[in-house]
Amino acid sequence: MRDKVKSKNKIISPIKGCPPIVWLILFFAVYYGILFFTLIPNSDEVGFYLKYSRESLLYGITQWDAPGNHVFYIFLSSILDKITGNILIGTRGISCLFALINIALVLKIGGKYLFAGDKEAVYFACLYGVSHGIAEYAVRGRGYTLCMTFFLTAIICMLGITEPEGENRARYYIGLGGSFLLGLYTIPTYLYCMLPIVLYLIGSCIRDKDAKRFWKLILCAVVTAAAVFAVYMPIFICLGVPVKYPLEFEDRYRAYFGYKTLSLFVKAPLETLILGIKEYLKRSSQYTGSIPFENVVRGLAGEMIDIFRFLSYGLTGIFALLTLIVSVVGIVIARRKKTHVAILL
């Protein structure tokens, strides 16, 4: 009887004998490929490439002019640019590649944790892939799609960690820490993506009264924090040395000579590092501002409408209805399967 239900839930593949994940990725490869060559580059992409990606690998991971420097994306983009020698591929190639990986990850989350059959999971992945923001940034030469990859990976690891005993969870802890590390290395505001996952994991420990899992998560957090500090240290050093020794860097181009920077850093490493962190925070705060809480509450409804409009190419009502239907169906199925995913949705 169960096999009959499962067979009804399976989607018919347009390519005989081809699993849904293959033809779905082929479809989005064509869709994103069209956008790849037809979407006009914006100022962020052009500036991003001219300022960072076309430079050396060392330059990209040591410079921090503003929060728009998506460090890990720069590193990968620079490698691709050096390999291909093509500006468009070097700028957008990484985003497009990881956008297709994201489709596979969404399909996995939908098929394994949310829905009973392939059909609903494919609908779920399609709704995700064609959303305006997802589709546009799938080909924009920025680090947002890369962060989405790490967010989806973290969700899979989170659900793996909270599965019943008997599973080999070590890989999930490593995957969770790795996704947090690379997400923060790409964009510091990835912290907002981490927050619901961390809260869910803490809640699961309290719900299951699992102290062992809680301490494993604490260890994972400590190791991840240390790794994040380590990968950002070259930036802190390169920001701190000119502040500590301003006369040595009157000519801005001399600041890029790594040997000179290191030779000055070892003279007063701790003080220089602290100055670098302060300079990093100073530059980050130049592009942020505070909003009174009452203004946030007053404008929340309008912001939500704007988000729906952005995601749905202006079809706000239709997209909101589809999102509501998918969310309700997902919650009902999740509760029936007792996977506790309803809280996440």
Protein backbone atom coordinates (compact mmCIF):
# COMPACT_ATOMS: atom_id res chain seq x y z
CA MET A 1 0.00 0.00 0.00
CA ARG A 2 2.84 2.34 0.93
CA ASP A 3 4.60 1.56 -2.36
CA LYS A 4 1.42 2.56 -4.22
CA VAL A 5 1.33 5.92 -2.44
CA LYS A 6 5.00 6.53 -3.14
CA SER A 7 4.57 5.65 -6.80
CA LYS A 8 1.73 8.16 -7.10
CA ASN A 9 3.92 10.86 -5.56
CA LYS A 10 6.74 10.31 -8.01
CA ILE A 11 7.01 12.86 -10.77
CA ILE A 12 7.20 11.72 -14.38
CA SER A 13 10.60 12.61 -15.80
CA PRO A 14 10.58 14.40 -19.19
CA ILE A 15 13.76 12.43 -20.00
CA LYS A 16 13.20 8.68 -19.85
CA GLY A 17 15.17 7.02 -17.07
CA CYS A 18 16.62 10.33 -15.91
CA PRO A 19 16.20 11.20 -12.18
CA PRO A 20 14.54 14.55 -11.35
CA ILE A 21 17.74 16.12 -10.02
CA VAL A 22 19.48 15.73 -13.41
CA TRP A 23 16.81 17.24 -15.67
CA LEU A 24 16.02 19.92 -13.09
CA ILE A 25 19.65 21.06 -13.03
CA LEU A 26 19.75 20.89 -16.85
CA PHE A 27 16.68 23.12 -17.01
CA PHE A 28 18.15 25.70 -14.62
CA ALA A 29 21.54 25.52 -16.35
CA VAL A 30 19.82 26.68 -19.54
CA TYR A 31 17.70 29.27 -17.70
CA TYR A 32 20.61 30.72 -15.74
CA GLY A 33 22.82 30.44 -18.83
CA ILE A 34 20.48 32.76 -20.74
CA LEU A 35 20.53 35.24 -17.86
CA PHE A 36 24.32 34.85 -17.64
CA PHE A 37 24.83 36.30 -21.11
CA THR A 38 21.84 38.66 -21.37
CA LEU A 39 21.67 40.37 -17.96
CA ILE A 40 23.59 43.64 -18.15
CA PRO A 41 26.40 43.85 -15.53
CA ASN A 42 25.68 46.40 -12.83
CA SER A 43 28.11 48.81 -11.16
CA ASP A 44 28.68 46.48 -8.19
CA GLU A 45 29.84 43.64 -10.44
CA VAL A 46 32.10 45.84 -12.56
CA GLY A 47 33.62 47.58 -9.56
CA PHE A 48 34.01 44.26 -7.75
CA TYR A 49 35.95 42.77 -10.67
CA LEU A 50 38.13 45.82 -11.38
CA LYS A 51 38.99 46.36 -7.73
CA TYR A 52 39.53 42.79 -6.54
CA SER A 53 38.98 39.81 -8.85
CA ARG A 54 41.44 40.77 -11.57
CA GLU A 55 44.18 41.38 -8.99
CA SER A 56 46.34 38.68 -7.42
CA LEU A 57 44.90 36.08 -5.05
CA LEU A 58 46.88 37.56 -2.17
CA TYR A 59 45.48 41.03 -2.81
CA GLY A 60 41.87 39.85 -2.63
CA ILE A 61 42.22 38.13 0.75
CA THR A 62 44.17 40.95 2.42
CA GLN A 63 42.25 44.10 1.42
CA TRP A 64 39.10 45.46 3.07
CA ASP A 65 37.92 48.78 1.72
CA ALA A 66 34.25 48.22 2.56
CA PRO A 67 31.78 45.45 3.50
CA GLY A 68 31.16 44.93 -0.23
CA ASN A 69 34.40 42.97 -0.36
CA HIS A 70 33.05 39.40 -0.34
CA VAL A 71 36.41 37.84 0.48
CA PHE A 72 35.88 34.13 -0.21
CA TYR A 73 33.98 34.90 -3.41
CA ILE A 74 36.86 37.12 -4.51
CA PHE A 75 39.29 34.27 -3.88
CA LEU A 76 37.30 31.79 -6.01
CA SER A 77 36.51 34.40 -8.67
CA SER A 78 40.19 35.34 -8.98
CA ILE A 79 41.15 31.69 -9.50
CA LEU A 80 38.51 31.26 -12.21
CA ASP A 81 39.55 34.53 -13.87
CA LYS A 82 43.19 33.42 -13.99
CA ILE A 83 42.22 30.00 -15.41
CA THR A 84 39.79 31.17 -18.11
CA GLY A 85 41.11 34.64 -18.90
CA ASN A 86 37.51 35.68 -19.57
CA ILE A 87 36.11 38.67 -17.68
CA LEU A 88 32.45 37.54 -17.74
CA ILE A 89 33.22 33.98 -16.65
CA GLY A 90 35.67 35.21 -14.03
CA THR A 91 33.08 37.60 -12.64
CA ARG A 92 29.92 35.47 -12.79
CA GLY A 93 31.05 31.87 -13.18
CA ILE A 94 31.26 31.03 -9.48
CA SER A 95 27.76 32.39 -8.78
CA CYS A 96 26.24 30.41 -11.65
CA LEU A 97 27.97 27.17 -10.59
CA PHE A 98 26.87 27.44 -6.97
CA ALA A 99 23.34 28.45 -8.02
CA LEU A 100 22.99 25.01 -9.66
CA ILE A 101 24.41 23.35 -6.55
CA ASN A 102 21.74 25.21 -4.55
CA ILE A 103 18.99 23.66 -6.69
CA ALA A 104 20.31 20.20 -5.78
CA LEU A 105 20.48 21.15 -2.10
CA VAL A 106 16.91 22.50 -2.06
CA LEU A 107 15.73 19.33 -3.80
CA LYS A 108 17.51 17.24 -1.17
CA ILE A 109 15.98 19.20 1.70
CA GLY A 110 12.52 18.95 0.16
CA GLY A 111 12.80 15.26 -0.76
CA LYS A 112 14.40 13.97 2.44
CA TYR A 113 12.97 16.16 5.17
CA LEU A 114 9.83 17.96 4.00
CA PHE A 115 7.80 15.96 1.51
CA ALA A 116 6.69 12.35 1.02
CA GLY A 117 7.54 12.09 -2.70
CA ASP A 118 9.61 13.53 -5.53
CA LYS A 119 6.78 15.59 -7.01
CA GLU A 120 6.41 18.04 -4.11
CA ALA A 121 10.19 18.34 -3.75
CA VAL A 122 10.54 19.26 -7.44
CA TYR A 123 7.79 21.89 -7.15
CA PHE A 124 9.57 23.24 -4.07
CA ALA A 125 12.92 23.46 -5.92
CA CYS A 126 11.29 25.09 -8.97
CA LEU A 127 9.58 27.73 -6.85
CA TYR A 128 12.93 28.47 -5.24
CA GLY A 129 14.92 28.56 -8.49
CA VAL A 130 12.64 30.88 -10.46
CA SER A 131 12.22 33.47 -7.70
CA HIS A 132 13.47 36.81 -8.93
CA GLY A 133 16.12 37.43 -6.27
CA ILE A 134 17.46 33.88 -6.53
CA ALA A 135 17.55 33.93 -10.34
CA GLU A 136 19.16 37.36 -10.59
CA TYR A 137 21.90 36.72 -8.06
CA ALA A 138 22.50 33.31 -9.61
CA VAL A 139 24.41 35.19 -12.32
CA ARG A 140 25.50 38.36 -10.55
CA GLY A 141 29.20 38.42 -9.70
CA ARG A 142 28.64 38.78 -5.96
CA GLY A 143 28.87 36.48 -2.95
CA TYR A 144 25.16 36.19 -2.09
CA THR A 145 24.53 32.93 -3.97
CA LEU A 146 27.62 31.46 -2.36
CA CYS A 147 26.22 32.37 1.07
CA MET A 148 22.95 30.69 0.14
CA THR A 149 24.91 27.50 -0.59
CA PHE A 150 26.43 27.59 2.87
CA PHE A 151 23.03 28.37 4.43
CA LEU A 152 21.37 25.38 2.73
CA THR A 153 24.31 23.18 3.69
CA ALA A 154 23.97 24.33 7.29
CA ILE A 155 20.24 23.43 7.23
CA ILE A 156 21.04 19.90 6.01
CA CYS A 157 23.70 19.53 8.72
CA MET A 158 21.33 20.92 11.34
CA LEU A 159 18.65 18.39 10.43
CA GLY A 160 21.27 15.62 10.36
CA ILE A 161 22.47 16.53 13.86
CA THR A 162 18.92 16.37 15.24
CA GLU A 163 18.16 12.99 13.67
CA PRO A 164 17.72 9.98 16.01
CA GLU A 165 20.73 8.25 17.55
CA GLY A 166 22.60 5.75 15.42
CA GLU A 167 23.58 8.19 12.68
CA ASN A 168 27.21 9.17 12.18
CA ARG A 169 26.87 12.81 13.20
CA ALA A 170 30.55 13.82 13.10
CA ARG A 171 30.29 14.79 9.43
CA TYR A 172 27.28 16.98 10.22
CA TYR A 173 29.16 18.89 12.93
CA ILE A 174 32.11 19.38 10.56
CA GLY A 175 29.75 20.46 7.78
CA LEU A 176 27.93 22.89 10.08
CA GLY A 177 31.16 24.50 11.28
CA GLY A 178 32.55 24.63 7.74
CA SER A 179 29.42 26.27 6.33
CA PHE A 180 29.44 28.86 9.12
CA LEU A 181 33.14 29.56 8.56
CA LEU A 182 32.91 30.00 4.78
CA GLY A 183 29.64 31.94 5.02
CA LEU A 184 31.20 34.47 7.41
CA TYR A 185 34.35 34.58 5.29
CA THR A 186 32.20 35.48 2.29
CA ILE A 187 29.93 38.06 3.95
CA PRO A 188 30.09 38.97 7.68
CA THR A 189 26.31 39.52 7.76
CA TYR A 190 25.93 35.77 7.15
CA LEU A 191 25.60 35.93 10.93
CA TYR A 192 21.88 36.60 10.37
CA CYS A 193 21.57 33.29 8.51
CA MET A 194 23.31 31.48 11.36
CA LEU A 195 20.96 32.82 14.03
CA PRO A 196 17.81 30.71 13.27
CA ILE A 197 19.93 27.57 12.86
CA VAL A 198 21.70 28.11 16.18
CA LEU A 199 18.38 28.80 17.94
CA TYR A 200 16.84 25.67 16.42
CA LEU A 201 19.78 23.52 17.56
CA ILE A 202 19.70 24.95 21.08
CA GLY A 203 15.94 24.37 21.19
CA SER A 204 16.38 20.76 20.05
CA CYS A 205 18.93 20.15 22.83
CA ILE A 206 16.49 21.49 25.41
CA ARG A 207 13.58 19.53 23.91
CA ASP A 208 15.50 16.23 23.82
CA LYS A 209 17.40 16.94 27.08
CA ASP A 210 20.59 16.09 25.24
CA ALA A 211 23.52 17.67 27.13
CA LYS A 212 26.08 15.71 25.09
CA ARG A 213 24.84 17.25 21.84
CA PHE A 214 24.85 20.70 23.45
CA TRP A 215 28.53 20.47 24.45
CA LYS A 216 29.44 19.18 21.00
CA LEU A 217 27.76 22.26 19.53
CA ILE A 218 29.72 24.50 21.94
CA LEU A 219 32.97 22.85 20.81
CA CYS A 220 31.92 23.30 17.17
CA ALA A 221 31.21 26.99 17.83
CA VAL A 222 34.58 27.58 19.54
CA VAL A 223 36.54 25.90 16.75
CA THR A 224 34.56 27.80 14.09
CA ALA A 225 35.12 31.15 15.85
CA ALA A 226 38.87 30.49 16.03
CA ALA A 227 38.94 29.56 12.34
CA VAL A 228 37.02 32.71 11.36
CA PHE A 229 39.50 34.85 13.27
CA ALA A 230 42.39 33.03 11.56
CA VAL A 231 41.10 33.59 8.00
CA TYR A 232 40.41 37.28 8.71
CA MET A 233 43.81 37.82 10.33
CA PRO A 234 45.57 38.78 7.04
CA ILE A 235 42.98 41.54 6.61
CA PHE A 236 43.43 42.73 10.21
CA ILE A 237 47.20 42.82 9.72
CA CYS A 238 47.03 44.75 6.43
CA LEU A 239 44.61 47.25 7.98
CA GLY A 240 46.53 47.66 11.22
CA VAL A 241 50.06 48.15 9.87
CA PRO A 242 49.32 51.42 7.96
CA VAL A 243 47.55 52.78 11.05
CA LYS A 244 50.48 51.87 13.29
CA TYR A 245 53.15 53.05 10.84
CA PRO A 246 51.48 55.76 8.69
CA LEU A 247 54.76 57.30 7.51
CA GLU A 248 55.82 54.01 5.96
CA PHE A 249 52.75 54.01 3.70
CA GLU A 250 52.57 57.51 2.30
CA ASP A 251 52.48 55.98 -1.14
CA ARG A 252 49.35 53.81 -1.17
CA TYR A 253 50.83 51.31 -3.61
CA ARG A 254 53.59 50.44 -1.16
CA ALA A 255 50.96 49.06 1.20
CA TYR A 256 50.48 46.07 -1.09
CA PHE A 257 54.01 44.74 -0.68
CA GLY A 258 53.43 41.81 1.66
CA TYR A 259 57.02 41.47 2.85
CA LYS A 260 57.15 45.08 4.10
CA THR A 261 53.78 44.69 5.84
CA LEU A 262 54.88 41.56 7.68
CA SER A 263 58.26 43.00 8.63
CA LEU A 264 56.50 45.93 10.31
CA PHE A 265 53.81 43.72 11.88
CA VAL A 266 56.30 41.56 13.81
CA LYS A 267 57.65 44.67 15.57
CA ALA A 268 54.41 45.10 17.55
CA PRO A 269 52.06 42.24 16.57
CA LEU A 270 49.42 42.52 19.31
CA GLU A 271 49.02 46.29 19.11
CA THR A 272 48.95 46.20 15.29
CA LEU A 273 46.35 43.42 15.33
CA ILE A 274 44.09 45.36 17.72
CA LEU A 275 44.43 48.48 15.55
CA GLY A 276 43.53 46.39 12.49
CA ILE A 277 40.38 45.06 14.15
CA LYS A 278 39.36 48.59 15.16
CA GLU A 279 39.95 49.83 11.62
CA TYR A 280 37.91 46.92 10.25
CA LEU A 281 34.98 47.76 12.54
CA LYS A 282 35.30 51.46 11.70
CA ARG A 283 35.10 50.83 7.96
CA SER A 284 32.20 48.42 8.42
CA SER A 285 30.20 50.93 10.49
CA GLN A 286 30.55 53.61 7.80
CA TYR A 287 28.00 51.73 5.69
CA THR A 288 25.52 50.89 8.43
CA GLY A 289 23.14 52.94 10.54
CA SER A 290 20.57 52.50 13.29
CA ILE A 291 16.81 52.74 12.80
CA PRO A 292 14.43 53.51 15.70
CA PHE A 293 12.45 50.43 16.72
CA GLU A 294 9.08 52.16 16.20
CA ASN A 295 10.07 52.91 12.59
CA VAL A 296 10.91 49.23 12.05
CA VAL A 297 7.50 48.13 13.36
CA ARG A 298 5.70 50.83 11.37
CA GLY A 299 7.41 49.92 8.11
CA LEU A 300 7.46 46.14 8.53
CA ALA A 301 4.36 45.43 6.43
CA GLY A 302 5.62 47.61 3.59
CA GLU A 303 9.02 45.92 3.69
CA MET A 304 7.43 42.47 3.49
CA ILE A 305 5.38 43.55 0.46
CA ASP A 306 8.52 44.94 -1.19
CA ILE A 307 10.33 41.62 -0.57
CA PHE A 308 7.49 39.64 -2.16
CA ARG A 309 7.44 42.06 -5.09
CA PHE A 310 11.19 41.65 -5.59
CA LEU A 311 11.05 37.84 -5.42
CA SER A 312 8.02 37.52 -7.70
CA TYR A 313 8.92 39.91 -10.53
CA GLY A 314 6.14 42.22 -9.32
CA LEU A 315 3.46 39.47 -9.05
CA THR A 316 3.17 40.03 -5.31
CA GLY A 317 -0.24 38.47 -4.71
CA ILE A 318 0.37 35.33 -6.77
CA PHE A 319 3.78 34.68 -5.25
CA ALA A 320 2.50 35.31 -1.72
CA LEU A 321 -0.31 32.82 -2.34
CA LEU A 322 2.11 30.19 -3.70
CA THR A 323 4.46 30.73 -0.76
CA LEU A 324 1.59 30.39 1.70
CA ILE A 325 0.36 27.17 0.06
CA VAL A 326 3.85 25.61 -0.01
CA SER A 327 4.50 26.63 3.60
CA VAL A 328 1.17 25.23 4.87
CA VAL A 329 1.61 21.96 2.95
CA GLY A 330 5.20 21.70 4.19
CA ILE A 331 4.17 22.23 7.81
CA VAL A 332 1.32 19.69 7.61
CA ILE A 333 3.55 17.04 6.01
CA ALA A 334 6.43 17.79 8.38
CA ARG A 335 4.17 17.38 11.41
CA ARG A 336 2.75 14.14 10.04
CA LYS A 337 6.29 12.83 9.49
CA LYS A 338 7.29 14.11 12.94
CA THR A 339 10.54 15.62 11.70
CA HIS A 340 10.14 18.87 13.72
CA VAL A 341 10.76 20.85 10.50
CA ALA A 342 7.54 22.79 11.12
CA ILE A 343 9.47 25.00 13.57
CA LEU A 344 12.09 25.75 10.92
CA LEU A 345 9.45 26.67 8.31
